[in-house]
């Protein structure tokens, strides 16, 4: 009954929260990030 889901090699599902920032950072900034910020 989960609304948001996608096919993957491990089954139909969705990403955990933490992985999105790593993947997005890698896509646009590559393997070197000078500054990374956020709330405490």
ModelCIF file with pLDDT and N, C-alpha, C, O atoms, coordinates in Angstrom:
data_MODEL
#
_entry.id   MODEL 
#
_entity.id                         1 
_entity.type                       polymer 
_entity.pdbx_number_of_molecules   1 
#
_entity_poly.entity_id                      1 
_entity_poly.type                           'polypeptide(L)' 
_entity_poly.nstd_linkage                   no 
_entity_poly.nstd_monomer                   no 
_entity_poly.pdbx_seq_one_letter_code       
;(UNK)(UNK)(UNK)(UNK)(UNK)(UNK)(UNK)(UNK)(UNK)(UNK)(UNK)(UNK)(UNK)(UNK)(UNK)(UNK)
(UNK)(UNK)(UNK)(UNK)(UNK)(UNK)(UNK)(UNK)(UNK)(UNK)(UNK)(UNK)(UNK)(UNK)(UNK)(UNK)
(UNK)(UNK)(UNK)(UNK)(UNK)(UNK)(UNK)(UNK)
;
_entity_poly.pdbx_seq_one_letter_code_can   XXXXXXXXXXXXXXXXXXXXXXXXXXXXXXXXXXXXXXXX 
_entity_poly.pdbx_strand_id                 A 
#
loop_
_entity_poly_seq.entity_id 
_entity_poly_seq.num 
_entity_poly_seq.mon_id 
_entity_poly_seq.hetero 
1 1  UNK n 
1 2  UNK n 
1 3  UNK n 
1 4  UNK n 
1 5  UNK n 
1 6  UNK n 
1 7  UNK n 
1 8  UNK n 
1 9  UNK n 
1 10 UNK n 
1 11 UNK n 
1 12 UNK n 
1 13 UNK n 
1 14 UNK n 
1 15 UNK n 
1 16 UNK n 
1 17 UNK n 
1 18 UNK n 
1 19 UNK n 
1 20 UNK n 
1 21 UNK n 
1 22 UNK n 
1 23 UNK n 
1 24 UNK n 
1 25 UNK n 
1 26 UNK n 
1 27 UNK n 
1 28 UNK n 
1 29 UNK n 
1 30 UNK n 
1 31 UNK n 
1 32 UNK n 
1 33 UNK n 
1 34 UNK n 
1 35 UNK n 
1 36 UNK n 
1 37 UNK n 
1 38 UNK n 
1 39 UNK n 
1 40 UNK n 
#
_struct_asym.id          A 
_struct_asym.entity_id   1 
#
loop_
_ma_qa_metric.id 
_ma_qa_metric.mode 
_ma_qa_metric.name 
_ma_qa_metric.software_group_id 
_ma_qa_metric.type 
1 global pLDDT . pLDDT 
2 local  pLDDT . pLDDT 
#
_ma_qa_metric_global.metric_id      1 
_ma_qa_metric_global.metric_value   96.38 
_ma_qa_metric_global.model_id       1 
_ma_qa_metric_global.ordinal_id     1 
#
loop_
_ma_qa_metric_local.label_asym_id 
_ma_qa_metric_local.label_comp_id 
_ma_qa_metric_local.label_seq_id 
_ma_qa_metric_local.metric_id 
_ma_qa_metric_local.metric_value 
_ma_qa_metric_local.model_id 
_ma_qa_metric_local.ordinal_id 
A UNK 1  2 88.00 1 1  
A UNK 2  2 89.00 1 2  
A UNK 3  2 91.00 1 3  
A UNK 4  2 94.00 1 4  
A UNK 5  2 95.00 1 5  
A UNK 6  2 97.00 1 6  
A UNK 7  2 97.00 1 7  
A UNK 8  2 98.00 1 8  
A UNK 9  2 97.00 1 9  
A UNK 10 2 97.00 1 10 
A UNK 11 2 96.00 1 11 
A UNK 12 2 97.00 1 12 
A UNK 13 2 96.00 1 13 
A UNK 14 2 96.00 1 14 
A UNK 15 2 96.00 1 15 
A UNK 16 2 93.00 1 16 
A UNK 17 2 91.00 1 17 
A UNK 18 2 96.00 1 18 
A UNK 19 2 97.00 1 19 
A UNK 20 2 97.00 1 20 
A UNK 21 2 98.00 1 21 
A UNK 22 2 98.00 1 22 
A UNK 23 2 98.00 1 23 
A UNK 24 2 98.00 1 24 
A UNK 25 2 98.00 1 25 
A UNK 26 2 98.00 1 26 
A UNK 27 2 98.00 1 27 
A UNK 28 2 98.00 1 28 
A UNK 29 2 98.00 1 29 
A UNK 30 2 98.00 1 30 
A UNK 31 2 98.00 1 31 
A UNK 32 2 98.00 1 32 
A UNK 33 2 98.00 1 33 
A UNK 34 2 98.00 1 34 
A UNK 35 2 98.00 1 35 
A UNK 36 2 98.00 1 36 
A UNK 37 2 98.00 1 37 
A UNK 38 2 98.00 1 38 
A UNK 39 2 97.00 1 39 
A UNK 40 2 96.00 1 40 
#
loop_
_atom_site.group_PDB 
_atom_site.id 
_atom_site.type_symbol 
_atom_site.label_atom_id 
_atom_site.label_alt_id 
_atom_site.label_comp_id 
_atom_site.label_asym_id 
_atom_site.label_entity_id 
_atom_site.label_seq_id 
_atom_site.pdbx_PDB_ins_code 
_atom_site.Cartn_x 
_atom_site.Cartn_y 
_atom_site.Cartn_z 
_atom_site.occupancy 
_atom_site.B_iso_or_equiv 
_atom_site.pdbx_formal_charge 
_atom_site.auth_seq_id 
_atom_site.auth_comp_id 
_atom_site.auth_asym_id 
_atom_site.auth_atom_id 
_atom_site.pdbx_PDB_model_num 
ATOM 1   N N  . UNK A 1 1  ? 0.806  -1.227 0.000   1.00 88.00 ? 1  UNK A N  1 
ATOM 2   C CA . UNK A 1 1  ? 0.000  0.000  0.000   1.00 88.00 ? 1  UNK A CA 1 
ATOM 3   C C  . UNK A 1 1  ? 0.843  1.284  0.000   1.00 88.00 ? 1  UNK A C  1 
ATOM 4   O O  . UNK A 1 1  ? 0.304  2.388  0.071   1.00 88.00 ? 1  UNK A O  1 
ATOM 5   N N  . UNK A 1 2  ? 2.157  1.126  -0.079  1.00 89.00 ? 2  UNK A N  1 
ATOM 6   C CA . UNK A 1 2  ? 3.021  2.316  -0.097  1.00 89.00 ? 2  UNK A CA 1 
ATOM 7   C C  . UNK A 1 2  ? 2.873  3.023  -1.441  1.00 89.00 ? 2  UNK A C  1 
ATOM 8   O O  . UNK A 1 2  ? 2.894  2.377  -2.489  1.00 89.00 ? 2  UNK A O  1 
ATOM 9   N N  . UNK A 1 3  ? 2.722  4.347  -1.416  1.00 91.00 ? 3  UNK A N  1 
ATOM 10  C CA . UNK A 1 3  ? 2.408  5.093  -2.640  1.00 91.00 ? 3  UNK A CA 1 
ATOM 11  C C  . UNK A 1 3  ? 3.627  5.287  -3.528  1.00 91.00 ? 3  UNK A C  1 
ATOM 12  O O  . UNK A 1 3  ? 3.567  5.029  -4.730  1.00 91.00 ? 3  UNK A O  1 
ATOM 13  N N  . UNK A 1 4  ? 4.735  5.739  -2.945  1.00 94.00 ? 4  UNK A N  1 
ATOM 14  C CA . UNK A 1 4  ? 5.930  6.034  -3.734  1.00 94.00 ? 4  UNK A CA 1 
ATOM 15  C C  . UNK A 1 4  ? 6.849  4.821  -3.767  1.00 94.00 ? 4  UNK A C  1 
ATOM 16  O O  . UNK A 1 4  ? 7.373  4.411  -2.732  1.00 94.00 ? 4  UNK A O  1 
ATOM 17  N N  . UNK A 1 5  ? 7.047  4.249  -4.938  1.00 95.00 ? 5  UNK A N  1 
ATOM 18  C CA . UNK A 1 5  ? 7.930  3.087  -5.047  1.00 95.00 ? 5  UNK A CA 1 
ATOM 19  C C  . UNK A 1 5  ? 8.415  2.933  -6.486  1.00 95.00 ? 5  UNK A C  1 
ATOM 20  O O  . UNK A 1 5  ? 7.756  3.336  -7.444  1.00 95.00 ? 5  UNK A O  1 
ATOM 21  N N  . UNK A 1 6  ? 9.607  2.326  -6.591  1.00 97.00 ? 6  UNK A N  1 
ATOM 22  C CA . UNK A 1 6  ? 10.270 2.165  -7.876  1.00 97.00 ? 6  UNK A CA 1 
ATOM 23  C C  . UNK A 1 6  ? 10.889 0.771  -7.947  1.00 97.00 ? 6  UNK A C  1 
ATOM 24  O O  . UNK A 1 6  ? 11.186 0.157  -6.922  1.00 97.00 ? 6  UNK A O  1 
ATOM 25  N N  . UNK A 1 7  ? 11.079 0.281  -9.173  1.00 97.00 ? 7  UNK A N  1 
ATOM 26  C CA . UNK A 1 7  ? 11.783 -0.982 -9.362  1.00 97.00 ? 7  UNK A CA 1 
ATOM 27  C C  . UNK A 1 7  ? 13.256 -0.816 -9.020  1.00 97.00 ? 7  UNK A C  1 
ATOM 28  O O  . UNK A 1 7  ? 13.841 0.243  -9.248  1.00 97.00 ? 7  UNK A O  1 
ATOM 29  N N  . UNK A 1 8  ? 13.842 -1.860 -8.478  1.00 98.00 ? 8  UNK A N  1 
ATOM 30  C CA . UNK A 1 8  ? 15.274 -1.860 -8.191  1.00 98.00 ? 8  UNK A CA 1 
ATOM 31  C C  . UNK A 1 8  ? 15.773 -3.296 -8.266  1.00 98.00 ? 8  UNK A C  1 
ATOM 32  O O  . UNK A 1 8  ? 14.961 -4.220 -8.322  1.00 98.00 ? 8  UNK A O  1 
ATOM 33  N N  . UNK A 1 9  ? 17.080 -3.508 -8.268  1.00 97.00 ? 9  UNK A N  1 
ATOM 34  C CA . UNK A 1 9  ? 17.603 -4.888 -8.279  1.00 97.00 ? 9  UNK A CA 1 
ATOM 35  C C  . UNK A 1 9  ? 17.237 -5.680 -7.035  1.00 97.00 ? 9  UNK A C  1 
ATOM 36  O O  . UNK A 1 9  ? 17.358 -6.905 -7.025  1.00 97.00 ? 9  UNK A O  1 
ATOM 37  N N  . UNK A 1 10 ? 16.785 -4.988 -5.971  1.00 97.00 ? 10 UNK A N  1 
ATOM 38  C CA . UNK A 1 10 ? 16.510 -5.661 -4.700  1.00 97.00 ? 10 UNK A CA 1 
ATOM 39  C C  . UNK A 1 10 ? 15.019 -5.756 -4.404  1.00 97.00 ? 10 UNK A C  1 
ATOM 40  O O  . UNK A 1 10 ? 14.613 -6.212 -3.335  1.00 97.00 ? 10 UNK A O  1 
ATOM 41  N N  . UNK A 1 11 ? 14.219 -5.323 -5.358  1.00 96.00 ? 11 UNK A N  1 
ATOM 42  C CA . UNK A 1 11 ? 12.785 -5.354 -5.184  1.00 96.00 ? 11 UNK A CA 1 
ATOM 43  C C  . UNK A 1 11 ? 12.170 -3.975 -5.300  1.00 96.00 ? 11 UNK A C  1 
ATOM 44  O O  . UNK A 1 11 ? 12.876 -2.968 -5.258  1.00 96.00 ? 11 UNK A O  1 
ATOM 45  N N  . UNK A 1 12 ? 10.859 -3.928 -5.447  1.00 97.00 ? 12 UNK A N  1 
ATOM 46  C CA . UNK A 1 12 ? 10.152 -2.646 -5.569  1.00 97.00 ? 12 UNK A CA 1 
ATOM 47  C C  . UNK A 1 12 ? 10.208 -1.926 -4.226  1.00 97.00 ? 12 UNK A C  1 
ATOM 48  O O  . UNK A 1 12 ? 9.876  -2.502 -3.190  1.00 97.00 ? 12 UNK A O  1 
ATOM 49  N N  . UNK A 1 13 ? 10.629 -0.670 -4.253  1.00 96.00 ? 13 UNK A N  1 
ATOM 50  C CA . UNK A 1 13 ? 10.758 0.056  -3.003  1.00 96.00 ? 13 UNK A CA 1 
ATOM 51  C C  . UNK A 1 13 ? 11.093 1.513  -3.209  1.00 96.00 ? 13 UNK A C  1 
ATOM 52  O O  . UNK A 1 13 ? 10.756 2.104  -4.235  1.00 96.00 ? 13 UNK A O  1 
ATOM 53  N N  . UNK A 1 14 ? 11.761 2.090  -2.221  1.00 96.00 ? 14 UNK A N  1 
ATOM 54  C CA . UNK A 1 14 ? 12.096 3.511  -2.273  1.00 96.00 ? 14 UNK A CA 1 
ATOM 55  C C  . UNK A 1 14 ? 13.375 3.751  -1.455  1.00 96.00 ? 14 UNK A C  1 
ATOM 56  O O  . UNK A 1 14 ? 13.728 2.937  -0.602  1.00 96.00 ? 14 UNK A O  1 
ATOM 57  N N  . UNK A 1 15 ? 14.063 4.859  -1.715  1.00 96.00 ? 15 UNK A N  1 
ATOM 58  C CA . UNK A 1 15 ? 15.339 5.083  -1.041  1.00 96.00 ? 15 UNK A CA 1 
ATOM 59  C C  . UNK A 1 15 ? 15.167 5.493  0.410   1.00 96.00 ? 15 UNK A C  1 
ATOM 60  O O  . UNK A 1 15 ? 14.164 6.103  0.780   1.00 96.00 ? 15 UNK A O  1 
ATOM 61  N N  . UNK A 1 16 ? 16.158 5.152  1.234   1.00 93.00 ? 16 UNK A N  1 
ATOM 62  C CA . UNK A 1 16 ? 16.234 5.733  2.569   1.00 93.00 ? 16 UNK A CA 1 
ATOM 63  C C  . UNK A 1 16 ? 16.557 7.210  2.441   1.00 93.00 ? 16 UNK A C  1 
ATOM 64  O O  . UNK A 1 16 ? 16.985 7.677  1.386   1.00 93.00 ? 16 UNK A O  1 
ATOM 65  N N  . UNK A 1 17 ? 16.347 7.937  3.526   1.00 91.00 ? 17 UNK A N  1 
ATOM 66  C CA . UNK A 1 17 ? 16.557 9.390  3.494   1.00 91.00 ? 17 UNK A CA 1 
ATOM 67  C C  . UNK A 1 17 ? 18.022 9.753  3.274   1.00 91.00 ? 17 UNK A C  1 
ATOM 68  O O  . UNK A 1 17 ? 18.330 10.643 2.482   1.00 91.00 ? 17 UNK A O  1 
ATOM 69  N N  . UNK A 1 18 ? 18.927 9.064  3.976   1.00 96.00 ? 18 UNK A N  1 
ATOM 70  C CA . UNK A 1 18 ? 20.328 9.484  4.002   1.00 96.00 ? 18 UNK A CA 1 
ATOM 71  C C  . UNK A 1 18 ? 21.006 9.358  2.640   1.00 96.00 ? 18 UNK A C  1 
ATOM 72  O O  . UNK A 1 18 ? 21.868 10.167 2.297   1.00 96.00 ? 18 UNK A O  1 
ATOM 73  N N  . UNK A 1 19 ? 20.619 8.350  1.869   1.00 97.00 ? 19 UNK A N  1 
ATOM 74  C CA . UNK A 1 19 ? 21.317 8.058  0.614   1.00 97.00 ? 19 UNK A CA 1 
ATOM 75  C C  . UNK A 1 19 ? 21.116 9.155  -0.425  1.00 97.00 ? 19 UNK A C  1 
ATOM 76  O O  . UNK A 1 19 ? 21.964 9.347  -1.297  1.00 97.00 ? 19 UNK A O  1 
ATOM 77  N N  . UNK A 1 20 ? 19.979 9.890  -0.338  1.00 97.00 ? 20 UNK A N  1 
ATOM 78  C CA . UNK A 1 20 ? 19.708 10.887 -1.380  1.00 97.00 ? 20 UNK A CA 1 
ATOM 79  C C  . UNK A 1 20 ? 20.775 11.972 -1.422  1.00 97.00 ? 20 UNK A C  1 
ATOM 80  O O  . UNK A 1 20 ? 21.197 12.385 -2.502  1.00 97.00 ? 20 UNK A O  1 
ATOM 81  N N  . UNK A 1 21 ? 21.219 12.441 -0.243  1.00 98.00 ? 21 UNK A N  1 
ATOM 82  C CA . UNK A 1 21 ? 22.203 13.525 -0.242  1.00 98.00 ? 21 UNK A CA 1 
ATOM 83  C C  . UNK A 1 21 ? 23.535 13.069 -0.805  1.00 98.00 ? 21 UNK A C  1 
ATOM 84  O O  . UNK A 1 21 ? 24.197 13.829 -1.511  1.00 98.00 ? 21 UNK A O  1 
ATOM 85  N N  . UNK A 1 22 ? 23.941 11.841 -0.508  1.00 98.00 ? 22 UNK A N  1 
ATOM 86  C CA . UNK A 1 22 ? 25.186 11.318 -1.067  1.00 98.00 ? 22 UNK A CA 1 
ATOM 87  C C  . UNK A 1 22 ? 25.096 11.193 -2.578  1.00 98.00 ? 22 UNK A C  1 
ATOM 88  O O  . UNK A 1 22 ? 26.029 11.564 -3.291  1.00 98.00 ? 22 UNK A O  1 
ATOM 89  N N  . UNK A 1 23 ? 23.983 10.674 -3.067  1.00 98.00 ? 23 UNK A N  1 
ATOM 90  C CA . UNK A 1 23 ? 23.830 10.483 -4.513  1.00 98.00 ? 23 UNK A CA 1 
ATOM 91  C C  . UNK A 1 23 ? 23.730 11.817 -5.248  1.00 98.00 ? 23 UNK A C  1 
ATOM 92  O O  . UNK A 1 23 ? 24.318 11.986 -6.317  1.00 98.00 ? 23 UNK A O  1 
ATOM 93  N N  . UNK A 1 24 ? 22.987 12.759 -4.677  1.00 98.00 ? 24 UNK A N  1 
ATOM 94  C CA . UNK A 1 24 ? 22.838 14.078 -5.317  1.00 98.00 ? 24 UNK A CA 1 
ATOM 95  C C  . UNK A 1 24 ? 24.168 14.830 -5.290  1.00 98.00 ? 24 UNK A C  1 
ATOM 96  O O  . UNK A 1 24 ? 24.556 15.447 -6.282  1.00 98.00 ? 24 UNK A O  1 
ATOM 97  N N  . UNK A 1 25 ? 24.863 14.778 -4.156  1.00 98.00 ? 25 UNK A N  1 
ATOM 98  C CA . UNK A 1 25 ? 26.167 15.420 -4.078  1.00 98.00 ? 25 UNK A CA 1 
ATOM 99  C C  . UNK A 1 25 ? 27.130 14.853 -5.091  1.00 98.00 ? 25 UNK A C  1 
ATOM 100 O O  . UNK A 1 25 ? 27.859 15.598 -5.745  1.00 98.00 ? 25 UNK A O  1 
ATOM 101 N N  . UNK A 1 26 ? 27.139 13.532 -5.229  1.00 98.00 ? 26 UNK A N  1 
ATOM 102 C CA . UNK A 1 26 ? 28.031 12.877 -6.184  1.00 98.00 ? 26 UNK A CA 1 
ATOM 103 C C  . UNK A 1 26 ? 27.691 13.265 -7.621  1.00 98.00 ? 26 UNK A C  1 
ATOM 104 O O  . UNK A 1 26 ? 28.583 13.452 -8.447  1.00 98.00 ? 26 UNK A O  1 
ATOM 105 N N  . UNK A 1 27 ? 26.402 13.384 -7.911  1.00 98.00 ? 27 UNK A N  1 
ATOM 106 C CA . UNK A 1 27 ? 25.989 13.706 -9.281  1.00 98.00 ? 27 UNK A CA 1 
ATOM 107 C C  . UNK A 1 27 ? 26.468 15.096 -9.695  1.00 98.00 ? 27 UNK A C  1 
ATOM 108 O O  . UNK A 1 27 ? 26.962 15.272 -10.808 1.00 98.00 ? 27 UNK A O  1 
ATOM 109 N N  . UNK A 1 28 ? 26.328 16.077 -8.817  1.00 98.00 ? 28 UNK A N  1 
ATOM 110 C CA . UNK A 1 28 ? 26.605 17.459 -9.197  1.00 98.00 ? 28 UNK A CA 1 
ATOM 111 C C  . UNK A 1 28 ? 27.988 17.958 -8.766  1.00 98.00 ? 28 UNK A C  1 
ATOM 112 O O  . UNK A 1 28 ? 28.516 18.896 -9.363  1.00 98.00 ? 28 UNK A O  1 
ATOM 113 N N  . UNK A 1 29 ? 28.574 17.348 -7.747  1.00 98.00 ? 29 UNK A N  1 
ATOM 114 C CA . UNK A 1 29 ? 29.846 17.846 -7.221  1.00 98.00 ? 29 UNK A CA 1 
ATOM 115 C C  . UNK A 1 29 ? 30.984 16.835 -7.345  1.00 98.00 ? 29 UNK A C  1 
ATOM 116 O O  . UNK A 1 29 ? 32.145 17.175 -7.117  1.00 98.00 ? 29 UNK A O  1 
ATOM 117 N N  . UNK A 1 30 ? 30.653 15.591 -7.706  1.00 98.00 ? 30 UNK A N  1 
ATOM 118 C CA . UNK A 1 30 ? 31.693 14.585 -7.855  1.00 98.00 ? 30 UNK A CA 1 
ATOM 119 C C  . UNK A 1 30 ? 32.169 14.058 -6.513  1.00 98.00 ? 30 UNK A C  1 
ATOM 120 O O  . UNK A 1 30 ? 31.401 13.995 -5.553  1.00 98.00 ? 30 UNK A O  1 
ATOM 121 N N  . UNK A 1 31 ? 33.438 13.680 -6.448  1.00 98.00 ? 31 UNK A N  1 
ATOM 122 C CA . UNK A 1 31 ? 33.977 13.005 -5.266  1.00 98.00 ? 31 UNK A CA 1 
ATOM 123 C C  . UNK A 1 31 ? 34.736 13.940 -4.335  1.00 98.00 ? 31 UNK A C  1 
ATOM 124 O O  . UNK A 1 31 ? 35.454 13.480 -3.447  1.00 98.00 ? 31 UNK A O  1 
ATOM 125 N N  . UNK A 1 32 ? 34.587 15.255 -4.530  1.00 98.00 ? 32 UNK A N  1 
ATOM 126 C CA . UNK A 1 32 ? 35.223 16.214 -3.622  1.00 98.00 ? 32 UNK A CA 1 
ATOM 127 C C  . UNK A 1 32 ? 34.239 17.334 -3.311  1.00 98.00 ? 32 UNK A C  1 
ATOM 128 O O  . UNK A 1 32 ? 33.795 18.043 -4.214  1.00 98.00 ? 32 UNK A O  1 
ATOM 129 N N  . UNK A 1 33 ? 33.896 17.496 -2.028  1.00 98.00 ? 33 UNK A N  1 
ATOM 130 C CA . UNK A 1 33 ? 33.009 18.565 -1.573  1.00 98.00 ? 33 UNK A CA 1 
ATOM 131 C C  . UNK A 1 33 ? 33.767 19.379 -0.534  1.00 98.00 ? 33 UNK A C  1 
ATOM 132 O O  . UNK A 1 33 ? 34.237 18.836 0.465   1.00 98.00 ? 33 UNK A O  1 
ATOM 133 N N  . UNK A 1 34 ? 33.887 20.685 -0.771  1.00 98.00 ? 34 UNK A N  1 
ATOM 134 C CA . UNK A 1 34 ? 34.638 21.547 0.143   1.00 98.00 ? 34 UNK A CA 1 
ATOM 135 C C  . UNK A 1 34 ? 33.868 21.835 1.426   1.00 98.00 ? 34 UNK A C  1 
ATOM 136 O O  . UNK A 1 34 ? 34.430 21.784 2.520   1.00 98.00 ? 34 UNK A O  1 
ATOM 137 N N  . UNK A 1 35 ? 32.582 22.135 1.285   1.00 98.00 ? 35 UNK A N  1 
ATOM 138 C CA . UNK A 1 35 ? 31.747 22.528 2.424   1.00 98.00 ? 35 UNK A CA 1 
ATOM 139 C C  . UNK A 1 35 ? 30.433 21.765 2.383   1.00 98.00 ? 35 UNK A C  1 
ATOM 140 O O  . UNK A 1 35 ? 29.785 21.689 1.339   1.00 98.00 ? 35 UNK A O  1 
ATOM 141 N N  . UNK A 1 36 ? 30.045 21.206 3.504   1.00 98.00 ? 36 UNK A N  1 
ATOM 142 C CA . UNK A 1 36 ? 28.735 20.541 3.608   1.00 98.00 ? 36 UNK A CA 1 
ATOM 143 C C  . UNK A 1 36 ? 28.098 21.015 4.903   1.00 98.00 ? 36 UNK A C  1 
ATOM 144 O O  . UNK A 1 36 ? 28.693 20.893 5.974   1.00 98.00 ? 36 UNK A O  1 
ATOM 145 N N  . UNK A 1 37 ? 26.886 21.558 4.808   1.00 98.00 ? 37 UNK A N  1 
ATOM 146 C CA . UNK A 1 37 ? 26.236 22.114 5.977   1.00 98.00 ? 37 UNK A CA 1 
ATOM 147 C C  . UNK A 1 37 ? 24.822 21.619 6.183   1.00 98.00 ? 37 UNK A C  1 
ATOM 148 O O  . UNK A 1 37 ? 24.209 21.009 5.306   1.00 98.00 ? 37 UNK A O  1 
ATOM 149 N N  . UNK A 1 38 ? 24.322 21.907 7.387   1.00 98.00 ? 38 UNK A N  1 
ATOM 150 C CA . UNK A 1 38 ? 22.949 21.572 7.728   1.00 98.00 ? 38 UNK A CA 1 
ATOM 151 C C  . UNK A 1 38 ? 22.703 21.860 9.199   1.00 98.00 ? 38 UNK A C  1 
ATOM 152 O O  . UNK A 1 38 ? 23.588 22.345 9.905   1.00 98.00 ? 38 UNK A O  1 
ATOM 153 N N  . UNK A 1 39 ? 21.508 21.563 9.651   1.00 97.00 ? 39 UNK A N  1 
ATOM 154 C CA . UNK A 1 39 ? 21.143 21.802 11.037  1.00 97.00 ? 39 UNK A CA 1 
ATOM 155 C C  . UNK A 1 39 ? 21.873 20.879 11.989  1.00 97.00 ? 39 UNK A C  1 
ATOM 156 O O  . UNK A 1 39 ? 22.307 19.793 11.606  1.00 97.00 ? 39 UNK A O  1 
ATOM 157 N N  . UNK A 1 40 ? 22.008 21.315 13.233  1.00 96.00 ? 40 UNK A N  1 
ATOM 158 C CA . UNK A 1 40 ? 22.710 20.532 14.245  1.00 96.00 ? 40 UNK A CA 1 
ATOM 159 C C  . UNK A 1 40 ? 22.046 19.180 14.459  1.00 96.00 ? 40 UNK A C  1 
ATOM 160 O O  . UNK A 1 40 ? 22.509 18.388 15.280  1.00 96.00 ? 40 UNK A O  1 
#
